[in-house]
């Protein structure tokens, strides 16, 4: 799924500058009010694509392209964050992190890292059959054939609003940790769906187990930019090894609509793949609805389903709180009580 927590912090560039190779994506942070600053590109944005461009279906239907677009994420460090969070916040486990369910797993990078890191049972759940097939192929390509063949790592097609741990595990018991990362939870646009996902997660967790949820930083909602800023557009570049090709990612558009009642924003996400030698451009566009959640809503959903919020982070790093100057997303760590 697509959400503001997916994008690199402060990567905002003009498309023409990126095409010319004049600028590269900056990883430095511009901080304002506890999150990265939105930079307006105004007239610097190209109003269209070249005549040689070829339109393609939505990005999530192109798992290989989806994986490349978000390859800037440091999945190795994020897996370490999940392991450290379990050591710090879980209760009642004497053997450490033994089982994880990753909701909306996409290409399966977090699930893969956890399995290679020694977690005995890892299940990635995704609604897309194409993404599940890609995740399995990606895992084999990256050295996890043994984990797949033994059943230690599995990818399953399913709905994050309607699942049971017993079906996924093939027996009794539950998971030590459930994760929902990369803004996937924001694809649940109403309260009924959100409650169903939380309830299924509660039922799937072992007592004392954790639910780790990654969302946009609440500042994205409360600073008013979703409603009033009509010129914002953020961009970043991803280099690809295939014949020197590169991807240009355009995140958001001045035509994006935000509904302050439902807290749903319709984001235009455009990815332009530029072939190295030919210069051919393949354009993939999606209009993606995403709900913006607040920390208080997360707490309310937790209380309604027998979970409790034990920590709020501003990134997938232990030292960055939600109010830290480098915070640019909301990572909530929730726990199931022993009585639940």
C-alpha atoms as a PDB file:
ATOM      1  CA  UNK A   1       0.000   0.000   0.000  1.00  0.00           C
ATOM      2  CA  UNK A   2       0.997   3.602  -0.456  1.00  0.00           C
ATOM      3  CA  UNK A   3       1.269   6.083   2.351  1.00  0.00           C
ATOM      4  CA  UNK A   4       3.437   8.991   3.411  1.00  0.00           C
ATOM      5  CA  UNK A   5       5.451   6.734   5.699  1.00  0.00           C
ATOM      6  CA  UNK A   6       6.673   4.908   2.594  1.00  0.00           C
ATOM      7  CA  UNK A   7       8.480   7.802   1.018  1.00  0.00           C
ATOM      8  CA  UNK A   8      12.059   8.757   1.848  1.00  0.00           C
ATOM      9  CA  UNK A   9      12.204  11.755   4.207  1.00  0.00           C
ATOM     10  CA  UNK A  10      12.579  15.090   2.411  1.00  0.00           C
ATOM     11  CA  UNK A  11      13.033  13.675  -1.097  1.00  0.00           C
ATOM     12  CA  UNK A  12      11.400  16.394  -3.160  1.00  0.00           C
ATOM     13  CA  UNK A  13      12.749  17.162  -6.622  1.00  0.00           C
ATOM     14  CA  UNK A  14      11.629  18.386 -10.036  1.00  0.00           C
ATOM     15  CA  UNK A  15      10.943  15.714 -12.649  1.00  0.00           C
ATOM     16  CA  UNK A  16      12.881  17.514 -15.367  1.00  0.00           C
ATOM     17  CA  UNK A  17      15.900  17.854 -13.052  1.00  0.00           C
ATOM     18  CA  UNK A  18      15.752  14.156 -12.256  1.00  0.00           C
ATOM     19  CA  UNK A  19      15.484  13.194 -15.911  1.00  0.00           C
ATOM     20  CA  UNK A  20      18.528  15.290 -16.751  1.00  0.00           C
ATOM     21  CA  UNK A  21      20.538  13.691 -13.947  1.00  0.00           C
ATOM     22  CA  UNK A  22      21.248  17.112 -12.441  1.00  0.00           C
ATOM     23  CA  UNK A  23      20.011  16.157  -8.971  1.00  0.00           C
ATOM     24  CA  UNK A  24      19.918  13.042  -6.821  1.00  0.00           C
ATOM     25  CA  UNK A  25      17.571  12.131  -4.011  1.00  0.00           C
ATOM     26  CA  UNK A  26      18.783  13.660  -0.774  1.00  0.00           C
ATOM     27  CA  UNK A  27      18.562  11.570   2.400  1.00  0.00           C
ATOM     28  CA  UNK A  28      19.051  14.584   4.662  1.00  0.00           C
ATOM     29  CA  UNK A  29      16.114  15.569   6.828  1.00  0.00           C
ATOM     30  CA  UNK A  30      14.396  18.941   6.865  1.00  0.00           C
ATOM     31  CA  UNK A  31      12.559  18.995  10.170  1.00  0.00           C
ATOM     32  CA  UNK A  32       9.617  21.108  11.197  1.00  0.00           C
ATOM     33  CA  UNK A  33       7.104  20.460  13.965  1.00  0.00           C
ATOM     34  CA  UNK A  34       8.301  16.912  14.620  1.00  0.00           C
ATOM     35  CA  UNK A  35       8.190  15.663  11.022  1.00  0.00           C
ATOM     36  CA  UNK A  36       9.905  16.294   7.721  1.00  0.00           C
ATOM     37  CA  UNK A  37       9.007  19.529   5.925  1.00  0.00           C
ATOM     38  CA  UNK A  38       6.872  19.375   2.818  1.00  0.00           C
ATOM     39  CA  UNK A  39       8.514  21.269  -0.035  1.00  0.00           C
ATOM     40  CA  UNK A  40       6.368  22.907  -2.696  1.00  0.00           C
ATOM     41  CA  UNK A  41       7.599  22.391  -6.230  1.00  0.00           C
ATOM     42  CA  UNK A  42       5.071  24.658  -7.900  1.00  0.00           C
ATOM     43  CA  UNK A  43       5.792  25.294 -11.567  1.00  0.00           C
ATOM     44  CA  UNK A  44       8.950  23.150 -11.454  1.00  0.00           C
ATOM     45  CA  UNK A  45       6.796  20.069 -11.978  1.00  0.00           C
ATOM     46  CA  UNK A  46       6.333  18.784 -15.485  1.00  0.00           C
ATOM     47  CA  UNK A  47       2.668  18.906 -16.383  1.00  0.00           C
ATOM     48  CA  UNK A  48       2.783  15.706 -18.427  1.00  0.00           C
ATOM     49  CA  UNK A  49       4.868  12.858 -19.799  1.00  0.00           C
ATOM     50  CA  UNK A  50       6.650  12.612 -23.110  1.00  0.00           C
ATOM     51  CA  UNK A  51       4.971  11.287 -26.219  1.00  0.00           C
ATOM     52  CA  UNK A  52       7.186   8.195 -26.048  1.00  0.00           C
ATOM     53  CA  UNK A  53       5.758   7.181 -22.659  1.00  0.00           C
ATOM     54  CA  UNK A  54       3.707   3.989 -22.368  1.00  0.00           C
ATOM     55  CA  UNK A  55       1.001   3.720 -19.703  1.00  0.00           C
ATOM     56  CA  UNK A  56       0.805   0.542 -17.605  1.00  0.00           C
ATOM     57  CA  UNK A  57      -1.580  -0.863 -14.948  1.00  0.00           C
ATOM     58  CA  UNK A  58      -1.409   0.139 -11.281  1.00  0.00           C
ATOM     59  CA  UNK A  59       1.795  -0.189  -9.278  1.00  0.00           C
ATOM     60  CA  UNK A  60       0.637  -2.974  -6.955  1.00  0.00           C
ATOM     61  CA  UNK A  61      -0.020  -5.098 -10.040  1.00  0.00           C
ATOM     62  CA  UNK A  62       3.692  -4.766 -10.840  1.00  0.00           C
ATOM     63  CA  UNK A  63       5.365  -6.398  -7.793  1.00  0.00           C
ATOM     64  CA  UNK A  64       8.863  -6.091  -9.275  1.00  0.00           C
ATOM     65  CA  UNK A  65       8.384  -2.380  -9.853  1.00  0.00           C
ATOM     66  CA  UNK A  66       6.767  -1.907  -6.447  1.00  0.00           C
ATOM     67  CA  UNK A  67       9.774  -3.516  -4.787  1.00  0.00           C
ATOM     68  CA  UNK A  68      12.200  -1.291  -6.680  1.00  0.00           C
ATOM     69  CA  UNK A  69      10.293   1.890  -5.836  1.00  0.00           C
ATOM     70  CA  UNK A  70      10.589   1.248  -2.091  1.00  0.00           C
ATOM     71  CA  UNK A  71      14.046  -0.319  -2.133  1.00  0.00           C
ATOM     72  CA  UNK A  72      15.448   2.706  -0.261  1.00  0.00           C
ATOM     73  CA  UNK A  73      14.018   1.221   2.947  1.00  0.00           C
ATOM     74  CA  UNK A  74      16.666  -0.382   5.154  1.00  0.00           C
ATOM     75  CA  UNK A  75      14.872  -3.662   5.813  1.00  0.00           C
ATOM     76  CA  UNK A  76      17.818  -5.146   7.709  1.00  0.00           C
ATOM     77  CA  UNK A  77      17.694  -2.378  10.299  1.00  0.00           C
ATOM     78  CA  UNK A  78      13.909  -2.521  10.424  1.00  0.00           C
ATOM     79  CA  UNK A  79      14.013  -6.248  11.189  1.00  0.00           C
ATOM     80  CA  UNK A  80      16.459  -5.487  14.005  1.00  0.00           C
ATOM     81  CA  UNK A  81      13.991  -2.886  15.297  1.00  0.00           C
ATOM     82  CA  UNK A  82      11.232  -5.521  15.395  1.00  0.00           C
ATOM     83  CA  UNK A  83      13.471  -7.950  17.264  1.00  0.00           C
ATOM     84  CA  UNK A  84      14.549  -5.261  19.740  1.00  0.00           C
ATOM     85  CA  UNK A  85      10.936  -4.188  20.275  1.00  0.00           C
ATOM     86  CA  UNK A  86       9.998  -7.745  21.168  1.00  0.00           C
ATOM     87  CA  UNK A  87      12.839  -8.017  23.676  1.00  0.00           C
ATOM     88  CA  UNK A  88      11.848  -4.710  25.245  1.00  0.00           C
ATOM     89  CA  UNK A  89       8.051  -4.852  25.264  1.00  0.00           C
ATOM     90  CA  UNK A  90       6.804  -8.450  25.044  1.00  0.00           C
ATOM     91  CA  UNK A  91       5.792 -10.307  28.186  1.00  0.00           C
ATOM     92  CA  UNK A  92       5.832 -13.957  29.143  1.00  0.00           C
ATOM     93  CA  UNK A  93       8.146 -15.248  26.409  1.00  0.00           C
ATOM     94  CA  UNK A  94      11.210 -17.103  27.717  1.00  0.00           C
ATOM     95  CA  UNK A  95      12.398 -18.319  24.325  1.00  0.00           C
ATOM     96  CA  UNK A  96      12.458 -15.014  22.458  1.00  0.00           C
ATOM     97  CA  UNK A  97      10.665 -14.166  19.228  1.00  0.00           C
ATOM     98  CA  UNK A  98       9.545 -17.470  17.696  1.00  0.00           C
ATOM     99  CA  UNK A  99       6.627 -16.638  15.385  1.00  0.00           C
ATOM    100  CA  UNK A 100       5.589 -13.596  13.326  1.00  0.00           C
ATOM    101  CA  UNK A 101       2.641 -12.791  11.063  1.00  0.00           C
ATOM    102  CA  UNK A 102       3.209  -9.914   8.615  1.00  0.00           C
ATOM    103  CA  UNK A 103      -0.075  -8.410   7.390  1.00  0.00           C
ATOM    104  CA  UNK A 104      -0.005  -6.915   3.901  1.00  0.00           C
ATOM    105  CA  UNK A 105       3.488  -8.325   3.428  1.00  0.00           C
ATOM    106  CA  UNK A 106       3.943  -7.131  -0.168  1.00  0.00           C
ATOM    107  CA  UNK A 107       7.278  -8.369  -1.579  1.00  0.00           C
ATOM    108  CA  UNK A 108       7.968  -9.959   1.818  1.00  0.00           C
ATOM    109  CA  UNK A 109      11.190  -8.195   2.770  1.00  0.00           C
ATOM    110  CA  UNK A 110      10.403  -8.009   6.491  1.00  0.00           C
ATOM    111  CA  UNK A 111       9.177 -11.618   6.607  1.00  0.00           C
ATOM    112  CA  UNK A 112      12.270 -12.746   4.714  1.00  0.00           C
ATOM    113  CA  UNK A 113      14.601 -10.893   7.072  1.00  0.00           C
ATOM    114  CA  UNK A 114      12.921 -12.336  10.143  1.00  0.00           C
ATOM    115  CA  UNK A 115      13.123 -15.894   8.795  1.00  0.00           C
ATOM    116  CA  UNK A 116      16.789 -15.514   7.862  1.00  0.00           C
ATOM    117  CA  UNK A 117      17.333 -13.993  11.303  1.00  0.00           C
ATOM    118  CA  UNK A 118      16.224 -17.196  13.011  1.00  0.00           C
ATOM    119  CA  UNK A 119      12.513 -16.734  13.738  1.00  0.00           C
ATOM    120  CA  UNK A 120      11.129 -20.269  13.559  1.00  0.00           C
ATOM    121  CA  UNK A 121       7.740 -19.492  12.000  1.00  0.00           C
ATOM    122  CA  UNK A 122       7.109 -16.522   9.714  1.00  0.00           C
ATOM    123  CA  UNK A 123       3.932 -16.034   7.675  1.00  0.00           C
ATOM    124  CA  UNK A 124       3.382 -13.222   5.193  1.00  0.00           C
ATOM    125  CA  UNK A 125      -0.270 -12.474   4.384  1.00  0.00           C
ATOM    126  CA  UNK A 126      -1.323 -10.434   1.351  1.00  0.00           C
ATOM    127  CA  UNK A 127      -4.544 -10.022  -0.618  1.00  0.00           C
ATOM    128  CA  UNK A 128      -2.726 -10.063  -3.967  1.00  0.00           C
ATOM    129  CA  UNK A 129      -1.922 -13.458  -5.491  1.00  0.00           C
ATOM    130  CA  UNK A 130       0.622 -11.803  -7.768  1.00  0.00           C
ATOM    131  CA  UNK A 131       2.425 -10.271  -4.794  1.00  0.00           C
ATOM    132  CA  UNK A 132       2.478 -13.614  -2.960  1.00  0.00           C
ATOM    133  CA  UNK A 133       4.055 -15.302  -5.993  1.00  0.00           C
ATOM    134  CA  UNK A 134       6.610 -12.504  -6.237  1.00  0.00           C
ATOM    135  CA  UNK A 135       7.418 -12.707  -2.512  1.00  0.00           C
ATOM    136  CA  UNK A 136       8.130 -16.431  -2.787  1.00  0.00           C
ATOM    137  CA  UNK A 137      10.390 -15.922  -5.816  1.00  0.00           C
ATOM    138  CA  UNK A 138      12.132 -13.015  -4.089  1.00  0.00           C
ATOM    139  CA  UNK A 139      12.814 -15.148  -1.008  1.00  0.00           C
ATOM    140  CA  UNK A 140      14.321 -17.963  -3.077  1.00  0.00           C
ATOM    141  CA  UNK A 141      16.459 -15.510  -4.989  1.00  0.00           C
ATOM    142  CA  UNK A 142      17.806 -14.080  -1.730  1.00  0.00           C
ATOM    143  CA  UNK A 143      18.799 -17.386  -0.163  1.00  0.00           C
ATOM    144  CA  UNK A 144      15.705 -18.534   1.717  1.00  0.00           C
ATOM    145  CA  UNK A 145      14.862 -21.645  -0.327  1.00  0.00           C
ATOM    146  CA  UNK A 146      15.447 -23.881   2.695  1.00  0.00           C
ATOM    147  CA  UNK A 147      13.172 -21.744   4.862  1.00  0.00           C
ATOM    148  CA  UNK A 148      10.426 -21.921   2.243  1.00  0.00           C
ATOM    149  CA  UNK A 149      10.781 -25.653   1.631  1.00  0.00           C
ATOM    150  CA  UNK A 150      10.721 -26.451   5.347  1.00  0.00           C
ATOM    151  CA  UNK A 151       7.678 -24.280   6.019  1.00  0.00           C
ATOM    152  CA  UNK A 152       9.597 -21.934   8.312  1.00  0.00           C
ATOM    153  CA  UNK A 153       8.698 -19.111   5.911  1.00  0.00           C
ATOM    154  CA  UNK A 154       5.345 -19.085   4.118  1.00  0.00           C
ATOM    155  CA  UNK A 155       3.429 -16.561   2.051  1.00  0.00           C
ATOM    156  CA  UNK A 156      -0.354 -16.882   2.066  1.00  0.00           C
ATOM    157  CA  UNK A 157      -3.076 -15.070   0.165  1.00  0.00           C
ATOM    158  CA  UNK A 158      -5.632 -13.663   2.579  1.00  0.00           C
ATOM    159  CA  UNK A 159      -7.549 -10.701   3.975  1.00  0.00           C
ATOM    160  CA  UNK A 160      -6.140  -8.793   6.961  1.00  0.00           C
ATOM    161  CA  UNK A 161      -9.714  -8.134   8.132  1.00  0.00           C
ATOM    162  CA  UNK A 162     -10.629 -11.811   8.214  1.00  0.00           C
ATOM    163  CA  UNK A 163      -7.977 -14.317   9.273  1.00  0.00           C
ATOM    164  CA  UNK A 164      -7.370 -16.878  11.998  1.00  0.00           C
ATOM    165  CA  UNK A 165      -4.018 -17.853  13.466  1.00  0.00           C
ATOM    166  CA  UNK A 166      -5.014 -21.521  13.676  1.00  0.00           C
ATOM    167  CA  UNK A 167      -5.591 -21.660   9.912  1.00  0.00           C
ATOM    168  CA  UNK A 168      -2.304 -19.925   9.169  1.00  0.00           C
ATOM    169  CA  UNK A 169      -0.323 -22.055  11.627  1.00  0.00           C
ATOM    170  CA  UNK A 170      -2.061 -25.319  10.805  1.00  0.00           C
ATOM    171  CA  UNK A 171      -2.948 -26.034  14.404  1.00  0.00           C
ATOM    172  CA  UNK A 172      -3.448 -24.465  17.821  1.00  0.00           C
ATOM    173  CA  UNK A 173      -1.598 -21.539  19.307  1.00  0.00           C
ATOM    174  CA  UNK A 174      -0.872 -18.041  18.083  1.00  0.00           C
ATOM    175  CA  UNK A 175       1.865 -15.639  17.027  1.00  0.00           C
ATOM    176  CA  UNK A 176       4.382 -13.869  19.229  1.00  0.00           C
ATOM    177  CA  UNK A 177       4.199 -10.807  16.963  1.00  0.00           C
ATOM    178  CA  UNK A 178       1.899  -9.446  14.270  1.00  0.00           C
ATOM    179  CA  UNK A 179       3.146  -6.615  12.065  1.00  0.00           C
ATOM    180  CA  UNK A 180       1.403  -4.268   9.648  1.00  0.00           C
ATOM    181  CA  UNK A 181       4.030  -2.037   8.059  1.00  0.00           C
ATOM    182  CA  UNK A 182       4.588   0.278   5.099  1.00  0.00           C
ATOM    183  CA  UNK A 183       1.318   2.101   5.717  1.00  0.00           C
ATOM    184  CA  UNK A 184      -0.758  -0.929   4.737  1.00  0.00           C
ATOM    185  CA  UNK A 185      -3.306  -0.334   7.507  1.00  0.00           C
ATOM    186  CA  UNK A 186      -4.301   2.962   5.846  1.00  0.00           C
ATOM    187  CA  UNK A 187      -5.965   0.943   3.077  1.00  0.00           C
ATOM    188  CA  UNK A 188      -8.732   0.195   5.617  1.00  0.00           C
ATOM    189  CA  UNK A 189     -10.938   3.199   4.967  1.00  0.00           C
ATOM    190  CA  UNK A 190     -13.664   2.856   7.600  1.00  0.00           C
ATOM    191  CA  UNK A 191     -13.971   2.033  11.290  1.00  0.00           C
ATOM    192  CA  UNK A 192     -15.581  -1.360  10.714  1.00  0.00           C
ATOM    193  CA  UNK A 193     -12.599  -2.608   8.706  1.00  0.00           C
ATOM    194  CA  UNK A 194     -10.136  -1.173  11.211  1.00  0.00           C
ATOM    195  CA  UNK A 195     -11.912  -2.850  14.142  1.00  0.00           C
ATOM    196  CA  UNK A 196     -12.076  -6.163  12.287  1.00  0.00           C
ATOM    197  CA  UNK A 197      -8.332  -6.087  11.608  1.00  0.00           C
ATOM    198  CA  UNK A 198      -7.541  -5.215  15.235  1.00  0.00           C
ATOM    199  CA  UNK A 199      -9.884  -7.938  16.510  1.00  0.00           C
ATOM    200  CA  UNK A 200      -8.333 -10.591  14.234  1.00  0.00           C
ATOM    201  CA  UNK A 201      -4.879  -9.447  15.341  1.00  0.00           C
ATOM    202  CA  UNK A 202      -5.812  -9.712  19.022  1.00  0.00           C
ATOM    203  CA  UNK A 203      -7.142 -13.226  18.500  1.00  0.00           C
ATOM    204  CA  UNK A 204      -4.018 -14.243  16.570  1.00  0.00           C
ATOM    205  CA  UNK A 205      -1.546 -13.095  19.236  1.00  0.00           C
ATOM    206  CA  UNK A 206      -0.182 -15.146  22.091  1.00  0.00           C
ATOM    207  CA  UNK A 207      -0.733 -13.551  25.537  1.00  0.00           C
ATOM    208  CA  UNK A 208       1.939 -10.891  26.036  1.00  0.00           C
ATOM    209  CA  UNK A 209       2.606 -10.763  22.272  1.00  0.00           C
ATOM    210  CA  UNK A 210       3.053  -7.588  20.232  1.00  0.00           C
ATOM    211  CA  UNK A 211       1.325  -5.839  17.346  1.00  0.00           C
ATOM    212  CA  UNK A 212       3.642  -3.409  15.515  1.00  0.00           C
ATOM    213  CA  UNK A 213       1.791  -0.919  13.329  1.00  0.00           C
ATOM    214  CA  UNK A 214       3.382   1.647  10.992  1.00  0.00           C
ATOM    215  CA  UNK A 215       1.379   4.675   9.844  1.00  0.00           C
ATOM    216  CA  UNK A 216       1.852   8.250   8.687  1.00  0.00           C
ATOM    217  CA  UNK A 217       3.000  10.732  11.298  1.00  0.00           C
ATOM    218  CA  UNK A 218      -0.045  12.473  12.864  1.00  0.00           C
ATOM    219  CA  UNK A 219       1.577  15.797  11.997  1.00  0.00           C
ATOM    220  CA  UNK A 220       0.665  15.104   8.371  1.00  0.00           C
ATOM    221  CA  UNK A 221      -2.972  15.431   9.412  1.00  0.00           C
ATOM    222  CA  UNK A 222      -2.881  18.138  12.079  1.00  0.00           C
ATOM    223  CA  UNK A 223      -0.639  20.733  10.410  1.00  0.00           C
ATOM    224  CA  UNK A 224      -3.386  21.335   7.835  1.00  0.00           C
ATOM    225  CA  UNK A 225      -1.294  20.565   4.759  1.00  0.00           C
ATOM    226  CA  UNK A 226      -3.600  17.720   3.700  1.00  0.00           C
ATOM    227  CA  UNK A 227      -6.452  20.233   3.459  1.00  0.00           C
ATOM    228  CA  UNK A 228      -4.871  23.547   2.546  1.00  0.00           C
ATOM    229  CA  UNK A 229      -1.618  22.828   0.692  1.00  0.00           C
ATOM    230  CA  UNK A 230      -2.636  22.499  -2.959  1.00  0.00           C
ATOM    231  CA  UNK A 231       0.863  22.734  -4.440  1.00  0.00           C
ATOM    232  CA  UNK A 232       2.705  20.002  -2.619  1.00  0.00           C
ATOM    233  CA  UNK A 233       4.441  17.312  -4.616  1.00  0.00           C
ATOM    234  CA  UNK A 234       7.231  15.044  -3.477  1.00  0.00           C
ATOM    235  CA  UNK A 235       9.619  13.075  -5.612  1.00  0.00           C
ATOM    236  CA  UNK A 236      12.543  10.698  -5.407  1.00  0.00           C
ATOM    237  CA  UNK A 237      14.733   8.704  -7.728  1.00  0.00           C
ATOM    238  CA  UNK A 238      15.725   5.041  -7.620  1.00  0.00           C
ATOM    239  CA  UNK A 239      18.654   3.761  -9.646  1.00  0.00           C
ATOM    240  CA  UNK A 240      18.200   0.354 -11.260  1.00  0.00           C
ATOM    241  CA  UNK A 241      20.934  -1.975 -12.443  1.00  0.00           C
ATOM    242  CA  UNK A 242      19.145  -3.084 -15.598  1.00  0.00           C
ATOM    243  CA  UNK A 243      21.000  -1.290 -18.397  1.00  0.00           C
ATOM    244  CA  UNK A 244      21.315   1.857 -16.328  1.00  0.00           C
ATOM    245  CA  UNK A 245      17.570   2.454 -16.093  1.00  0.00           C
ATOM    246  CA  UNK A 246      16.082   4.502 -13.266  1.00  0.00           C
ATOM    247  CA  UNK A 247      12.733   5.153 -11.634  1.00  0.00           C
ATOM    248  CA  UNK A 248      11.276   8.578 -10.925  1.00  0.00           C
ATOM    249  CA  UNK A 249       8.595   8.527  -8.234  1.00  0.00           C
ATOM    250  CA  UNK A 250       6.079  11.383  -8.011  1.00  0.00           C
ATOM    251  CA  UNK A 251       4.134  11.346  -4.761  1.00  0.00           C
ATOM    252  CA  UNK A 252       0.998  13.441  -4.565  1.00  0.00           C
ATOM    253  CA  UNK A 253      -0.521  16.047  -6.847  1.00  0.00           C
ATOM    254  CA  UNK A 254      -2.230  19.399  -6.521  1.00  0.00           C
ATOM    255  CA  UNK A 255      -5.487  17.665  -7.476  1.00  0.00           C
ATOM    256  CA  UNK A 256      -5.364  15.249  -4.505  1.00  0.00           C
ATOM    257  CA  UNK A 257      -8.556  15.399  -2.451  1.00  0.00           C
ATOM    258  CA  UNK A 258      -8.758  15.087   1.330  1.00  0.00           C
ATOM    259  CA  UNK A 259     -12.040  14.430   3.147  1.00  0.00           C
ATOM    260  CA  UNK A 260     -11.813  15.851   6.704  1.00  0.00           C
ATOM    261  CA  UNK A 261     -14.784  13.728   7.821  1.00  0.00           C
ATOM    262  CA  UNK A 262     -13.543  10.306   6.720  1.00  0.00           C
ATOM    263  CA  UNK A 263      -9.854  11.356   6.976  1.00  0.00           C
ATOM    264  CA  UNK A 264      -9.265   9.725   3.588  1.00  0.00           C
ATOM    265  CA  UNK A 265      -6.963  11.294   1.024  1.00  0.00           C
ATOM    266  CA  UNK A 266      -6.931  10.316  -2.652  1.00  0.00           C
ATOM    267  CA  UNK A 267      -3.243  10.308  -3.601  1.00  0.00           C
ATOM    268  CA  UNK A 268      -1.939  10.328  -7.161  1.00  0.00           C
ATOM    269  CA  UNK A 269       1.188   8.152  -7.270  1.00  0.00           C
ATOM    270  CA  UNK A 270       3.113   8.181 -10.546  1.00  0.00           C
ATOM    271  CA  UNK A 271       6.200   6.093 -11.315  1.00  0.00           C
ATOM    272  CA  UNK A 272       8.154   6.734 -14.498  1.00  0.00           C
ATOM    273  CA  UNK A 273      10.633   4.057 -15.551  1.00  0.00           C
ATOM    274  CA  UNK A 274      13.304   5.458 -17.883  1.00  0.00           C
ATOM    275  CA  UNK A 275      15.243   2.871 -19.869  1.00  0.00           C
ATOM    276  CA  UNK A 276      18.975   3.519 -19.853  1.00  0.00           C
ATOM    277  CA  UNK A 277      19.989   3.288 -23.515  1.00  0.00           C
ATOM    278  CA  UNK A 278      16.740   3.937 -25.372  1.00  0.00           C
ATOM    279  CA  UNK A 279      15.347   6.592 -23.035  1.00  0.00           C
ATOM    280  CA  UNK A 280      11.923   4.980 -23.375  1.00  0.00           C
ATOM    281  CA  UNK A 281       9.567   5.945 -20.568  1.00  0.00           C
ATOM    282  CA  UNK A 282       7.007   3.579 -19.050  1.00  0.00           C
ATOM    283  CA  UNK A 283       4.541   5.340 -16.768  1.00  0.00           C
ATOM    284  CA  UNK A 284       2.564   3.653 -14.000  1.00  0.00           C
ATOM    285  CA  UNK A 285      -0.119   5.704 -12.259  1.00  0.00           C
ATOM    286  CA  UNK A 286      -2.411   4.962  -9.328  1.00  0.00           C
ATOM    287  CA  UNK A 287      -5.042   6.994  -7.548  1.00  0.00           C
ATOM    288  CA  UNK A 288      -4.698   5.538  -4.063  1.00  0.00           C
ATOM    289  CA  UNK A 289      -7.169   6.213  -1.227  1.00  0.00           C
ATOM    290  CA  UNK A 290      -5.510   6.195   2.185  1.00  0.00           C
ATOM    291  CA  UNK A 291      -6.997   6.897   5.594  1.00  0.00           C
ATOM    292  CA  UNK A 292      -5.010   9.029   8.011  1.00  0.00           C
ATOM    293  CA  UNK A 293      -5.020   7.696  11.591  1.00  0.00           C
ATOM    294  CA  UNK A 294      -4.179   9.583  14.768  1.00  0.00           C
ATOM    295  CA  UNK A 295      -2.379   8.175  17.803  1.00  0.00           C
ATOM    296  CA  UNK A 296      -5.569   8.519  19.830  1.00  0.00           C
ATOM    297  CA  UNK A 297      -7.519   6.499  17.271  1.00  0.00           C
ATOM    298  CA  UNK A 298      -4.903   3.752  17.472  1.00  0.00           C
ATOM    299  CA  UNK A 299      -5.260   3.782  21.264  1.00  0.00           C
ATOM    300  CA  UNK A 300      -9.060   3.617  21.004  1.00  0.00           C
ATOM    301  CA  UNK A 301      -8.936   0.691  18.545  1.00  0.00           C
ATOM    302  CA  UNK A 302      -6.541  -1.072  20.911  1.00  0.00           C
ATOM    303  CA  UNK A 303      -8.756  -0.571  23.965  1.00  0.00           C
ATOM    304  CA  UNK A 304     -11.814  -1.774  22.043  1.00  0.00           C
ATOM    305  CA  UNK A 305     -10.117  -5.067  21.127  1.00  0.00           C
ATOM    306  CA  UNK A 306      -8.151  -5.999  24.238  1.00  0.00           C
ATOM    307  CA  UNK A 307      -4.793  -4.508  23.280  1.00  0.00           C
ATOM    308  CA  UNK A 308      -2.785  -1.722  24.884  1.00  0.00           C
ATOM    309  CA  UNK A 309      -0.371   0.809  23.411  1.00  0.00           C
ATOM    310  CA  UNK A 310       2.984   0.375  25.149  1.00  0.00           C
ATOM    311  CA  UNK A 311       5.173   2.658  23.003  1.00  0.00           C
ATOM    312  CA  UNK A 312       4.925   5.176  20.153  1.00  0.00           C
ATOM    313  CA  UNK A 313       7.962   5.702  17.935  1.00  0.00           C
ATOM    314  CA  UNK A 314       8.611   8.272  15.217  1.00  0.00           C
ATOM    315  CA  UNK A 315      10.593   5.857  13.047  1.00  0.00           C
ATOM    316  CA  UNK A 316      11.686   2.245  13.122  1.00  0.00           C
ATOM    317  CA  UNK A 317      14.491   3.119  15.513  1.00  0.00           C
ATOM    318  CA  UNK A 318      14.363   2.647  19.276  1.00  0.00           C
ATOM    319  CA  UNK A 319      15.787   6.087  20.017  1.00  0.00           C
ATOM    320  CA  UNK A 320      13.306   8.127  17.984  1.00  0.00           C
ATOM    321  CA  UNK A 321      10.104   9.007  19.824  1.00  0.00           C
ATOM    322  CA  UNK A 322       6.991  10.359  18.130  1.00  0.00           C
ATOM    323  CA  UNK A 323       7.971  13.894  19.180  1.00  0.00           C
ATOM    324  CA  UNK A 324      11.647  13.551  18.237  1.00  0.00           C
ATOM    325  CA  UNK A 325      12.924  16.117  15.738  1.00  0.00           C
ATOM    326  CA  UNK A 326      13.675  13.326  13.239  1.00  0.00           C
ATOM    327  CA  UNK A 327      10.294  11.608  13.580  1.00  0.00           C
ATOM    328  CA  UNK A 328       8.435  11.361  10.301  1.00  0.00           C
ATOM    329  CA  UNK A 329       6.082   8.395  10.814  1.00  0.00           C
ATOM    330  CA  UNK A 330       4.071   6.740  13.562  1.00  0.00           C
ATOM    331  CA  UNK A 331       5.201   3.290  14.663  1.00  0.00           C
ATOM    332  CA  UNK A 332       2.900   1.999  17.402  1.00  0.00           C
ATOM    333  CA  UNK A 333       3.823  -1.000  19.537  1.00  0.00           C
ATOM    334  CA  UNK A 334       0.774  -2.651  21.102  1.00  0.00           C
ATOM    335  CA  UNK A 335       0.596  -5.627  23.465  1.00  0.00           C
ATOM    336  CA  UNK A 336      -1.991  -8.261  24.252  1.00  0.00           C
ATOM    337  CA  UNK A 337      -2.512  -8.761  27.947  1.00  0.00           C
ATOM    338  CA  UNK A 338      -2.120 -12.157  29.586  1.00  0.00           C
ATOM    339  CA  UNK A 339      -5.789 -12.045  30.520  1.00  0.00           C
ATOM    340  CA  UNK A 340      -6.812 -11.421  26.895  1.00  0.00           C
END
